[in-house]
Amino acid sequence: MKKFLFALLAVTSVATGTYAQKKVNYGLKAGLNLSNSNAQFDDIRAGIFAGGFAEIKLNKHWALQPELVYYRNVSPGLAYFTPDDHVVRAKKKEDFIAIPLMVKYYIKPKLYVEAGPEVNFVLAAKEEGLGHSQNITFLYDRLNVSGSLGVGYQLPHGFGVNARYSLGVQSPGVGPSATTYNNTGKVGITYTFKRK
């Protein structure tokens, strides 16, 4: 895993340094994501994301796009019984940082498809219910990898839309959860700054 991460960072650094003089466009992105896993009783987790990117234009059709993105997921947690025998579902919150490296191919000047790896760092995970909060970060592998496919379209005035699907290739869990894999769909808006 560490070798893969170092290789990803090295490719990003070399590409950025090589093309930084003329062909790099910087931007911001934000949106919504839905994720689940192959665990038997897992619920769909809704979340938000926000971050930045650098699009490195290689030629008319091809580009590299490293990103740094913050994600938060919220989902139902464990069920608890209250003193009066009511069932209350706890709320599970997950915070992590993702570093995707997308290879983009422009089918048309404004329409593109993309694919690439994504390294995810778990920042924190907790479960809240019945007036208390429990740290459950120890249930997660702090570093995991997924692969992503997406499509996007550039709108006027620097804006754009993007949809992406990420398939986990390494489990984010440890112990009994080490065989679960996350799948995530993401829809967002991008903004690319104009070059001076």
N, C-alpha and C. Protein backbone atom coordinates (compact mmCIF):
# COMPACT_ATOMS: atom_id res chain seq x y z
N MET A 1 0.83 -1.20 0.00
CA MET A 1 0.00 0.00 0.00
C MET A 1 0.86 1.26 0.00
N LYS A 2 1.91 1.28 0.84
CA LYS A 2 2.78 2.45 0.89
C LYS A 2 3.49 2.67 -0.44
N LYS A 3 3.93 1.57 -1.07
CA LYS A 3 4.59 1.69 -2.37
C LYS A 3 3.64 2.27 -3.41
N PHE A 4 2.38 1.82 -3.36
CA PHE A 4 1.38 2.34 -4.31
C PHE A 4 1.16 3.83 -4.07
N LEU A 5 1.05 4.24 -2.82
CA LEU A 5 0.84 5.65 -2.50
C LEU A 5 2.02 6.50 -2.95
N PHE A 6 3.24 6.04 -2.68
CA PHE A 6 4.42 6.79 -3.10
C PHE A 6 4.48 6.91 -4.62
N ALA A 7 4.12 5.82 -5.31
CA ALA A 7 4.12 5.86 -6.78
C ALA A 7 3.10 6.85 -7.30
N LEU A 8 1.91 6.87 -6.68
CA LEU A 8 0.86 7.81 -7.08
C LEU A 8 1.31 9.25 -6.87
N LEU A 9 1.90 9.53 -5.72
CA LEU A 9 2.38 10.88 -5.45
C LEU A 9 3.52 11.27 -6.38
N ALA A 10 4.39 10.30 -6.71
CA ALA A 10 5.50 10.59 -7.60
C ALA A 10 5.01 10.93 -9.00
N VAL A 11 4.05 10.16 -9.51
CA VAL A 11 3.49 10.44 -10.83
C VAL A 11 2.84 11.81 -10.86
N THR A 12 2.09 12.13 -9.81
CA THR A 12 1.42 13.43 -9.73
C THR A 12 2.44 14.57 -9.70
N SER A 13 3.50 14.42 -8.91
CA SER A 13 4.51 15.47 -8.80
C SER A 13 5.25 15.69 -10.11
N VAL A 14 5.63 14.59 -10.77
CA VAL A 14 6.35 14.71 -12.04
C VAL A 14 5.48 15.36 -13.10
N ALA A 15 4.22 14.91 -13.17
CA ALA A 15 3.31 15.46 -14.18
C ALA A 15 3.06 16.94 -13.93
N THR A 16 2.84 17.30 -12.67
CA THR A 16 2.57 18.70 -12.35
C THR A 16 3.78 19.57 -12.67
N GLY A 17 4.98 19.08 -12.30
CA GLY A 17 6.18 19.84 -12.57
C GLY A 17 6.46 20.00 -14.06
N THR A 18 6.16 18.96 -14.83
CA THR A 18 6.43 18.99 -16.26
C THR A 18 5.54 19.96 -17.00
N TYR A 19 4.26 20.04 -16.59
CA TYR A 19 3.29 20.82 -17.36
C TYR A 19 2.83 22.08 -16.63
N ALA A 20 3.46 22.39 -15.49
CA ALA A 20 2.96 23.51 -14.70
C ALA A 20 3.07 24.84 -15.41
N GLN A 21 4.04 24.97 -16.34
CA GLN A 21 4.27 26.27 -16.96
C GLN A 21 3.10 26.74 -17.80
N LYS A 22 2.45 25.86 -18.55
CA LYS A 22 1.46 26.31 -19.51
C LYS A 22 0.10 25.63 -19.41
N LYS A 23 0.04 24.39 -18.95
CA LYS A 23 -1.13 23.58 -19.23
C LYS A 23 -1.88 23.10 -17.99
N VAL A 24 -1.76 23.77 -16.87
CA VAL A 24 -2.44 23.34 -15.65
C VAL A 24 -3.58 24.30 -15.33
N ASN A 25 -4.78 23.76 -15.16
CA ASN A 25 -5.94 24.53 -14.74
C ASN A 25 -6.37 24.07 -13.36
N TYR A 26 -6.53 25.01 -12.43
CA TYR A 26 -6.90 24.67 -11.06
C TYR A 26 -8.39 24.92 -10.86
N GLY A 27 -8.98 24.16 -9.93
CA GLY A 27 -10.41 24.33 -9.70
C GLY A 27 -10.87 23.74 -8.38
N LEU A 28 -12.15 23.94 -8.11
CA LEU A 28 -12.82 23.43 -6.91
C LEU A 28 -13.97 22.53 -7.32
N LYS A 29 -14.35 21.63 -6.41
CA LYS A 29 -15.48 20.74 -6.68
C LYS A 29 -16.21 20.46 -5.38
N ALA A 30 -17.52 20.17 -5.49
CA ALA A 30 -18.34 19.84 -4.33
C ALA A 30 -19.57 19.11 -4.81
N GLY A 31 -20.17 18.31 -3.92
CA GLY A 31 -21.37 17.60 -4.32
C GLY A 31 -21.84 16.60 -3.29
N LEU A 32 -22.62 15.64 -3.75
CA LEU A 32 -23.25 14.64 -2.90
C LEU A 32 -22.75 13.26 -3.30
N ASN A 33 -22.72 12.34 -2.33
CA ASN A 33 -22.35 10.97 -2.64
C ASN A 33 -23.23 9.99 -1.87
N LEU A 34 -23.47 8.83 -2.46
CA LEU A 34 -24.17 7.72 -1.83
C LEU A 34 -23.27 6.51 -1.89
N SER A 35 -23.12 5.81 -0.77
CA SER A 35 -22.24 4.65 -0.76
C SER A 35 -22.85 3.51 0.04
N ASN A 36 -22.44 2.30 -0.29
CA ASN A 36 -22.78 1.13 0.50
C ASN A 36 -21.65 0.12 0.35
N SER A 37 -21.81 -1.03 0.98
CA SER A 37 -20.78 -2.06 0.89
C SER A 37 -21.45 -3.40 0.66
N ASN A 38 -20.63 -4.44 0.53
CA ASN A 38 -21.17 -5.78 0.34
C ASN A 38 -21.50 -6.48 1.65
N ALA A 39 -21.42 -5.75 2.78
CA ALA A 39 -21.80 -6.34 4.06
C ALA A 39 -23.29 -6.66 4.08
N GLN A 40 -23.66 -7.71 4.79
CA GLN A 40 -25.03 -8.23 4.72
C GLN A 40 -26.08 -7.23 5.17
N PHE A 41 -25.82 -6.50 6.25
CA PHE A 41 -26.83 -5.61 6.80
C PHE A 41 -26.45 -4.14 6.66
N ASP A 42 -25.61 -3.84 5.71
CA ASP A 42 -25.15 -2.46 5.54
C ASP A 42 -26.23 -1.59 4.91
N ASP A 43 -26.36 -0.36 5.42
CA ASP A 43 -27.31 0.60 4.88
C ASP A 43 -26.60 1.55 3.93
N ILE A 44 -27.38 2.18 3.06
CA ILE A 44 -26.82 3.20 2.17
C ILE A 44 -26.41 4.41 3.00
N ARG A 45 -25.22 4.92 2.75
CA ARG A 45 -24.70 6.07 3.47
C ARG A 45 -24.73 7.29 2.56
N ALA A 46 -25.36 8.35 3.03
CA ALA A 46 -25.42 9.60 2.28
C ALA A 46 -24.33 10.53 2.80
N GLY A 47 -23.78 11.33 1.90
CA GLY A 47 -22.72 12.21 2.34
C GLY A 47 -22.50 13.39 1.41
N ILE A 48 -21.51 14.18 1.76
CA ILE A 48 -21.12 15.35 0.98
C ILE A 48 -19.62 15.29 0.73
N PHE A 49 -19.17 16.02 -0.27
CA PHE A 49 -17.73 16.11 -0.50
C PHE A 49 -17.38 17.50 -1.02
N ALA A 50 -16.14 17.90 -0.78
CA ALA A 50 -15.64 19.18 -1.27
C ALA A 50 -14.12 19.10 -1.35
N GLY A 51 -13.57 19.74 -2.38
CA GLY A 51 -12.12 19.70 -2.52
C GLY A 51 -11.63 20.49 -3.70
N GLY A 52 -10.40 20.22 -4.08
CA GLY A 52 -9.78 20.93 -5.18
C GLY A 52 -9.10 19.98 -6.14
N PHE A 53 -8.76 20.49 -7.32
CA PHE A 53 -8.11 19.66 -8.33
C PHE A 53 -7.19 20.51 -9.20
N ALA A 54 -6.30 19.82 -9.90
CA ALA A 54 -5.43 20.44 -10.90
C ALA A 54 -5.53 19.61 -12.17
N GLU A 55 -6.07 20.20 -13.23
CA GLU A 55 -6.18 19.49 -14.50
C GLU A 55 -4.95 19.79 -15.34
N ILE A 56 -4.19 18.75 -15.65
CA ILE A 56 -2.94 18.89 -16.39
C ILE A 56 -3.18 18.44 -17.82
N LYS A 57 -3.29 19.38 -18.73
CA LYS A 57 -3.58 19.07 -20.13
C LYS A 57 -2.33 18.51 -20.81
N LEU A 58 -2.45 17.29 -21.33
CA LEU A 58 -1.34 16.66 -22.04
C LEU A 58 -1.37 16.97 -23.52
N ASN A 59 -2.56 16.96 -24.09
CA ASN A 59 -2.75 17.36 -25.49
C ASN A 59 -4.23 17.68 -25.68
N LYS A 60 -4.69 17.68 -26.91
CA LYS A 60 -6.06 18.08 -27.20
C LYS A 60 -7.08 17.18 -26.52
N HIS A 61 -6.78 15.90 -26.40
CA HIS A 61 -7.76 14.94 -25.89
C HIS A 61 -7.47 14.42 -24.48
N TRP A 62 -6.21 14.38 -24.08
CA TRP A 62 -5.85 13.71 -22.83
C TRP A 62 -5.44 14.71 -21.75
N ALA A 63 -5.78 14.34 -20.49
CA ALA A 63 -5.39 15.15 -19.34
C ALA A 63 -5.26 14.26 -18.11
N LEU A 64 -4.41 14.69 -17.18
CA LEU A 64 -4.32 14.08 -15.85
C LEU A 64 -4.95 15.03 -14.85
N GLN A 65 -5.64 14.47 -13.85
CA GLN A 65 -6.27 15.34 -12.85
C GLN A 65 -6.10 14.77 -11.45
N PRO A 66 -5.04 15.17 -10.72
CA PRO A 66 -4.94 14.84 -9.30
C PRO A 66 -5.90 15.71 -8.50
N GLU A 67 -6.43 15.14 -7.42
CA GLU A 67 -7.41 15.85 -6.60
C GLU A 67 -7.10 15.64 -5.12
N LEU A 68 -7.61 16.52 -4.30
CA LEU A 68 -7.59 16.37 -2.85
C LEU A 68 -9.00 16.70 -2.37
N VAL A 69 -9.71 15.70 -1.82
CA VAL A 69 -11.14 15.85 -1.55
C VAL A 69 -11.46 15.37 -0.13
N TYR A 70 -12.28 16.14 0.57
CA TYR A 70 -12.80 15.74 1.89
C TYR A 70 -14.20 15.16 1.73
N TYR A 71 -14.45 14.02 2.39
CA TYR A 71 -15.76 13.38 2.36
C TYR A 71 -16.30 13.23 3.78
N ARG A 72 -17.62 13.38 3.90
CA ARG A 72 -18.31 12.99 5.14
C ARG A 72 -19.50 12.13 4.78
N ASN A 73 -19.60 10.95 5.40
CA ASN A 73 -20.73 10.05 5.21
C ASN A 73 -21.51 9.94 6.51
N VAL A 74 -22.83 9.87 6.40
CA VAL A 74 -23.71 9.68 7.56
C VAL A 74 -24.66 8.54 7.25
N SER A 75 -24.79 7.60 8.20
CA SER A 75 -25.66 6.45 7.97
C SER A 75 -26.22 5.96 9.30
N PRO A 76 -27.29 5.15 9.26
CA PRO A 76 -27.80 4.55 10.50
C PRO A 76 -26.75 3.62 11.10
N GLY A 77 -26.65 3.65 12.43
CA GLY A 77 -25.73 2.76 13.13
C GLY A 77 -26.48 1.64 13.84
N LEU A 78 -25.97 1.26 15.00
CA LEU A 78 -26.59 0.17 15.76
C LEU A 78 -27.93 0.60 16.34
N ALA A 79 -28.77 -0.38 16.65
CA ALA A 79 -30.07 -0.13 17.28
C ALA A 79 -29.94 -0.31 18.79
N TYR A 80 -30.55 0.61 19.55
CA TYR A 80 -30.53 0.56 21.01
C TYR A 80 -31.95 0.59 21.55
N PHE A 81 -32.13 -0.05 22.73
CA PHE A 81 -33.41 0.02 23.43
C PHE A 81 -33.34 1.11 24.49
N THR A 82 -34.34 1.99 24.50
CA THR A 82 -34.44 3.01 25.54
C THR A 82 -35.04 2.38 26.80
N PRO A 83 -34.95 3.08 27.95
CA PRO A 83 -35.53 2.53 29.18
C PRO A 83 -37.02 2.20 29.07
N ASP A 84 -37.75 2.88 28.19
CA ASP A 84 -39.18 2.57 28.02
C ASP A 84 -39.41 1.64 26.83
N ASP A 85 -38.37 0.87 26.47
CA ASP A 85 -38.47 -0.19 25.45
C ASP A 85 -38.73 0.31 24.04
N HIS A 86 -38.35 1.54 23.73
CA HIS A 86 -38.39 2.00 22.36
C HIS A 86 -37.03 1.73 21.69
N VAL A 87 -37.07 1.46 20.40
CA VAL A 87 -35.84 1.19 19.66
C VAL A 87 -35.36 2.49 19.01
N VAL A 88 -34.11 2.84 19.24
CA VAL A 88 -33.51 4.04 18.67
C VAL A 88 -32.28 3.63 17.86
N ARG A 89 -32.21 4.10 16.61
CA ARG A 89 -31.03 3.83 15.79
C ARG A 89 -29.99 4.91 16.02
N ALA A 90 -28.79 4.49 16.27
CA ALA A 90 -27.69 5.44 16.38
C ALA A 90 -27.33 5.98 15.00
N LYS A 91 -26.53 7.03 14.97
CA LYS A 91 -26.09 7.63 13.71
C LYS A 91 -24.58 7.46 13.60
N LYS A 92 -24.14 6.94 12.46
CA LYS A 92 -22.71 6.73 12.24
C LYS A 92 -22.18 7.80 11.29
N LYS A 93 -21.07 8.43 11.68
CA LYS A 93 -20.45 9.47 10.86
C LYS A 93 -19.02 9.07 10.53
N GLU A 94 -18.67 9.23 9.26
CA GLU A 94 -17.33 8.89 8.79
C GLU A 94 -16.72 10.10 8.07
N ASP A 95 -15.49 10.44 8.41
CA ASP A 95 -14.78 11.54 7.76
C ASP A 95 -13.48 11.00 7.17
N PHE A 96 -13.24 11.31 5.90
CA PHE A 96 -11.99 10.87 5.31
C PHE A 96 -11.54 11.80 4.19
N ILE A 97 -10.28 11.68 3.84
CA ILE A 97 -9.65 12.43 2.75
C ILE A 97 -9.35 11.46 1.61
N ALA A 98 -9.67 11.86 0.40
CA ALA A 98 -9.39 11.04 -0.78
C ALA A 98 -8.41 11.77 -1.69
N ILE A 99 -7.50 11.00 -2.30
CA ILE A 99 -6.57 11.53 -3.30
C ILE A 99 -6.74 10.72 -4.58
N PRO A 100 -7.64 11.14 -5.47
CA PRO A 100 -7.78 10.47 -6.76
C PRO A 100 -6.74 11.00 -7.75
N LEU A 101 -6.37 10.14 -8.70
CA LEU A 101 -5.56 10.57 -9.85
C LEU A 101 -6.29 10.08 -11.09
N MET A 102 -7.04 10.97 -11.73
CA MET A 102 -7.89 10.60 -12.85
C MET A 102 -7.20 10.87 -14.18
N VAL A 103 -7.35 9.93 -15.10
CA VAL A 103 -6.94 10.12 -16.49
C VAL A 103 -8.19 10.50 -17.27
N LYS A 104 -8.18 11.67 -17.90
CA LYS A 104 -9.36 12.19 -18.60
C LYS A 104 -9.15 12.12 -20.12
N TYR A 105 -10.21 11.74 -20.81
CA TYR A 105 -10.19 11.75 -22.27
C TYR A 105 -11.35 12.59 -22.77
N TYR A 106 -11.06 13.65 -23.50
CA TYR A 106 -12.09 14.54 -24.03
C TYR A 106 -12.62 13.99 -25.35
N ILE A 107 -13.86 13.50 -25.31
CA ILE A 107 -14.52 13.01 -26.52
C ILE A 107 -14.82 14.18 -27.45
N LYS A 108 -15.27 15.27 -26.84
CA LYS A 108 -15.50 16.54 -27.52
C LYS A 108 -14.84 17.62 -26.66
N PRO A 109 -14.73 18.85 -27.16
CA PRO A 109 -14.03 19.88 -26.38
C PRO A 109 -14.55 20.07 -24.96
N LYS A 110 -15.82 19.80 -24.71
CA LYS A 110 -16.38 20.02 -23.38
C LYS A 110 -16.85 18.73 -22.69
N LEU A 111 -16.87 17.62 -23.39
CA LEU A 111 -17.37 16.35 -22.85
C LEU A 111 -16.21 15.37 -22.67
N TYR A 112 -16.10 14.78 -21.47
CA TYR A 112 -14.99 13.88 -21.21
C TYR A 112 -15.43 12.66 -20.40
N VAL A 113 -14.64 11.61 -20.50
CA VAL A 113 -14.76 10.45 -19.62
C VAL A 113 -13.45 10.35 -18.84
N GLU A 114 -13.49 9.65 -17.71
CA GLU A 114 -12.31 9.60 -16.85
C GLU A 114 -12.24 8.27 -16.12
N ALA A 115 -11.03 7.90 -15.72
CA ALA A 115 -10.81 6.69 -14.94
C ALA A 115 -9.50 6.83 -14.19
N GLY A 116 -9.42 6.16 -13.03
CA GLY A 116 -8.18 6.23 -12.28
C GLY A 116 -8.30 5.67 -10.88
N PRO A 117 -7.17 5.54 -10.18
CA PRO A 117 -7.17 5.05 -8.80
C PRO A 117 -7.47 6.17 -7.81
N GLU A 118 -7.85 5.76 -6.61
CA GLU A 118 -8.15 6.72 -5.54
C GLU A 118 -7.67 6.14 -4.22
N VAL A 119 -6.84 6.89 -3.52
CA VAL A 119 -6.37 6.50 -2.19
C VAL A 119 -7.19 7.24 -1.15
N ASN A 120 -7.72 6.51 -0.16
CA ASN A 120 -8.59 7.10 0.86
C ASN A 120 -7.95 6.97 2.24
N PHE A 121 -7.92 8.07 2.98
CA PHE A 121 -7.41 8.11 4.35
C PHE A 121 -8.59 8.34 5.30
N VAL A 122 -8.83 7.40 6.20
CA VAL A 122 -9.90 7.57 7.19
C VAL A 122 -9.41 8.52 8.28
N LEU A 123 -10.08 9.65 8.45
CA LEU A 123 -9.72 10.61 9.48
C LEU A 123 -10.34 10.26 10.81
N ALA A 124 -11.65 9.95 10.81
CA ALA A 124 -12.36 9.65 12.05
C ALA A 124 -13.67 8.96 11.72
N ALA A 125 -14.13 8.16 12.66
CA ALA A 125 -15.45 7.53 12.55
C ALA A 125 -16.03 7.45 13.95
N LYS A 126 -17.29 7.81 14.08
CA LYS A 126 -17.93 7.74 15.38
C LYS A 126 -19.40 7.38 15.24
N GLU A 127 -19.95 6.86 16.34
CA GLU A 127 -21.36 6.49 16.38
C GLU A 127 -22.03 7.28 17.49
N GLU A 128 -23.13 7.95 17.16
CA GLU A 128 -23.83 8.81 18.11
C GLU A 128 -25.23 8.28 18.35
N GLY A 129 -25.61 8.17 19.62
CA GLY A 129 -26.96 7.72 19.96
C GLY A 129 -27.19 7.76 21.45
N LEU A 130 -28.44 8.00 21.84
CA LEU A 130 -28.83 8.06 23.25
C LEU A 130 -27.97 9.04 24.04
N GLY A 131 -27.66 10.16 23.41
CA GLY A 131 -26.96 11.22 24.12
C GLY A 131 -25.47 11.01 24.30
N HIS A 132 -24.87 10.03 23.64
CA HIS A 132 -23.44 9.85 23.78
C HIS A 132 -22.82 9.57 22.42
N SER A 133 -21.50 9.72 22.36
CA SER A 133 -20.76 9.52 21.12
C SER A 133 -19.62 8.54 21.38
N GLN A 134 -19.44 7.58 20.48
CA GLN A 134 -18.40 6.57 20.63
C GLN A 134 -17.47 6.59 19.43
N ASN A 135 -16.18 6.65 19.70
CA ASN A 135 -15.18 6.61 18.63
C ASN A 135 -15.03 5.18 18.13
N ILE A 136 -15.26 4.96 16.82
CA ILE A 136 -15.15 3.62 16.25
C ILE A 136 -14.09 3.58 15.14
N THR A 137 -13.17 4.54 15.16
CA THR A 137 -12.14 4.60 14.13
C THR A 137 -11.29 3.34 14.12
N PHE A 138 -11.14 2.68 15.27
CA PHE A 138 -10.32 1.48 15.35
C PHE A 138 -10.88 0.33 14.51
N LEU A 139 -12.13 0.43 14.09
CA LEU A 139 -12.73 -0.61 13.25
C LEU A 139 -12.34 -0.47 11.78
N TYR A 140 -11.60 0.58 11.44
CA TYR A 140 -11.26 0.88 10.05
C TYR A 140 -9.77 0.74 9.80
N ASP A 141 -9.44 0.28 8.61
CA ASP A 141 -8.07 0.39 8.10
C ASP A 141 -7.91 1.84 7.65
N ARG A 142 -6.93 2.55 8.19
CA ARG A 142 -6.85 3.98 7.95
C ARG A 142 -6.52 4.33 6.50
N LEU A 143 -6.04 3.35 5.72
CA LEU A 143 -5.64 3.61 4.34
C LEU A 143 -6.20 2.52 3.44
N ASN A 144 -6.95 2.89 2.39
CA ASN A 144 -7.48 1.90 1.45
C ASN A 144 -7.56 2.49 0.05
N VAL A 145 -7.78 1.62 -0.93
CA VAL A 145 -7.71 2.01 -2.34
C VAL A 145 -9.00 1.64 -3.04
N SER A 146 -9.42 2.47 -3.99
CA SER A 146 -10.57 2.17 -4.85
C SER A 146 -10.22 2.59 -6.28
N GLY A 147 -11.03 2.13 -7.22
CA GLY A 147 -10.89 2.53 -8.61
C GLY A 147 -12.14 3.28 -9.05
N SER A 148 -11.99 4.30 -9.88
CA SER A 148 -13.12 5.17 -10.23
C SER A 148 -13.28 5.32 -11.74
N LEU A 149 -14.54 5.43 -12.15
CA LEU A 149 -14.92 5.75 -13.53
C LEU A 149 -15.87 6.93 -13.49
N GLY A 150 -15.79 7.83 -14.47
CA GLY A 150 -16.68 8.98 -14.43
C GLY A 150 -16.88 9.62 -15.79
N VAL A 151 -17.77 10.60 -15.79
CA VAL A 151 -18.06 11.37 -16.99
C VAL A 151 -18.35 12.80 -16.56
N GLY A 152 -18.02 13.76 -17.40
CA GLY A 152 -18.25 15.15 -17.03
C GLY A 152 -18.46 16.03 -18.25
N TYR A 153 -18.97 17.23 -17.96
CA TYR A 153 -19.24 18.19 -19.04
C TYR A 153 -18.92 19.59 -18.55
N GLN A 154 -18.18 20.34 -19.35
CA GLN A 154 -17.81 21.70 -19.01
C GLN A 154 -18.91 22.67 -19.46
N LEU A 155 -19.39 23.47 -18.51
CA LEU A 155 -20.41 24.48 -18.78
C LEU A 155 -19.75 25.84 -18.97
N PRO A 156 -20.52 26.85 -19.40
CA PRO A 156 -19.95 28.19 -19.55
C PRO A 156 -19.49 28.79 -18.21
N HIS A 157 -18.63 29.80 -18.30
CA HIS A 157 -18.18 30.59 -17.15
C HIS A 157 -17.40 29.77 -16.13
N GLY A 158 -16.74 28.71 -16.56
CA GLY A 158 -15.88 27.93 -15.67
C GLY A 158 -16.55 26.82 -14.91
N PHE A 159 -17.86 26.73 -14.96
CA PHE A 159 -18.58 25.69 -14.22
C PHE A 159 -18.61 24.38 -15.00
N GLY A 160 -18.88 23.30 -14.30
CA GLY A 160 -19.01 22.00 -14.93
C GLY A 160 -19.77 21.05 -14.03
N VAL A 161 -20.19 19.93 -14.60
CA VAL A 161 -20.87 18.88 -13.83
C VAL A 161 -20.09 17.58 -14.02
N ASN A 162 -20.13 16.74 -12.99
CA ASN A 162 -19.36 15.51 -13.02
C ASN A 162 -20.09 14.42 -12.25
N ALA A 163 -20.09 13.21 -12.79
CA ALA A 163 -20.63 12.04 -12.10
C ALA A 163 -19.56 10.97 -12.11
N ARG A 164 -19.40 10.30 -10.97
CA ARG A 164 -18.32 9.32 -10.84
C ARG A 164 -18.78 8.15 -9.99
N TYR A 165 -18.30 6.96 -10.33
CA TYR A 165 -18.58 5.75 -9.55
C TYR A 165 -17.26 5.14 -9.11
N SER A 166 -17.14 4.88 -7.81
CA SER A 166 -15.91 4.31 -7.26
C SER A 166 -16.18 2.93 -6.68
N LEU A 167 -15.34 1.98 -7.05
CA LEU A 167 -15.48 0.59 -6.61
C LEU A 167 -14.28 0.24 -5.74
N GLY A 168 -14.57 -0.17 -4.49
CA GLY A 168 -13.48 -0.51 -3.58
C GLY A 168 -12.73 -1.75 -4.02
N VAL A 169 -11.41 -1.66 -4.04
CA VAL A 169 -10.59 -2.82 -4.36
C VAL A 169 -9.81 -3.30 -3.14
N GLN A 170 -9.94 -2.55 -2.04
CA GLN A 170 -9.35 -2.95 -0.78
C GLN A 170 -10.33 -2.62 0.33
N SER A 171 -10.49 -3.53 1.29
CA SER A 171 -11.46 -3.32 2.36
C SER A 171 -11.01 -2.19 3.28
N PRO A 172 -11.94 -1.30 3.70
CA PRO A 172 -11.61 -0.27 4.68
C PRO A 172 -11.72 -0.77 6.11
N GLY A 173 -12.23 -2.00 6.30
CA GLY A 173 -12.43 -2.53 7.63
C GLY A 173 -11.29 -3.42 8.09
N VAL A 174 -11.28 -3.72 9.38
CA VAL A 174 -10.31 -4.65 9.96
C VAL A 174 -11.09 -5.72 10.71
N GLY A 175 -10.42 -6.82 11.05
CA GLY A 175 -11.08 -7.89 11.79
C GLY A 175 -12.19 -8.52 10.97
N PRO A 176 -13.38 -8.72 11.58
CA PRO A 176 -14.50 -9.34 10.86
C PRO A 176 -14.96 -8.53 9.65
N SER A 177 -14.66 -7.24 9.62
CA SER A 177 -15.09 -6.38 8.52
C SER A 177 -14.07 -6.31 7.38
N ALA A 178 -13.02 -7.13 7.45
CA ALA A 178 -11.93 -7.02 6.48
C ALA A 178 -12.29 -7.55 5.10
N THR A 179 -13.48 -8.14 4.96
CA THR A 179 -13.89 -8.64 3.64
C THR A 179 -14.98 -7.77 3.02
N THR A 180 -15.25 -6.60 3.58
CA THR A 180 -16.26 -5.69 3.02
C THR A 180 -15.58 -4.67 2.12
N TYR A 181 -16.29 -4.28 1.07
CA TYR A 181 -15.76 -3.32 0.10
C TYR A 181 -16.80 -2.25 -0.18
N ASN A 182 -16.36 -1.00 -0.17
CA ASN A 182 -17.27 0.12 -0.38
C ASN A 182 -17.44 0.43 -1.86
N ASN A 183 -18.68 0.78 -2.25
CA ASN A 183 -19.00 1.27 -3.59
C ASN A 183 -19.68 2.62 -3.43
N THR A 184 -19.25 3.61 -4.20
CA THR A 184 -19.74 4.97 -4.00
C THR A 184 -20.08 5.64 -5.33
N GLY A 185 -21.26 6.25 -5.38
CA GLY A 185 -21.65 7.08 -6.51
C GLY A 185 -21.59 8.54 -6.10
N LYS A 186 -21.05 9.39 -6.97
CA LYS A 186 -20.86 10.81 -6.63
C LYS A 186 -21.34 11.68 -7.77
N VAL A 187 -22.04 12.74 -7.42
CA VAL A 187 -22.49 13.73 -8.39
C VAL A 187 -22.12 15.10 -7.85
N GLY A 188 -21.46 15.92 -8.67
CA GLY A 188 -21.02 17.20 -8.16
C GLY A 188 -20.90 18.28 -9.22
N ILE A 189 -20.59 19.47 -8.73
CA ILE A 189 -20.36 20.65 -9.56
C ILE A 189 -18.89 21.04 -9.43
N THR A 190 -18.30 21.42 -10.54
CA THR A 190 -16.91 21.87 -10.53
C THR A 190 -16.83 23.33 -10.97
N TYR A 191 -15.76 23.97 -10.53
CA TYR A 191 -15.49 25.33 -11.01
C TYR A 191 -14.00 25.43 -11.31
N THR A 192 -13.66 25.78 -12.54
CA THR A 192 -12.27 25.92 -12.97
C THR A 192 -11.91 27.39 -13.07
N PHE A 193 -10.86 27.80 -12.39
CA PHE A 193 -10.43 29.19 -12.41
C PHE A 193 -9.86 29.55 -13.78
N LYS A 194 -10.13 30.76 -14.21
CA LYS A 194 -9.59 31.23 -15.49
C LYS A 194 -8.11 31.52 -15.35
N ARG A 195 -7.36 31.11 -16.36
CA ARG A 195 -5.93 31.42 -16.38
C ARG A 195 -5.72 32.87 -16.81
N LYS A 196 -4.81 33.55 -16.14
CA LYS A 196 -4.53 34.95 -16.48
C LYS A 196 -3.57 35.02 -17.66
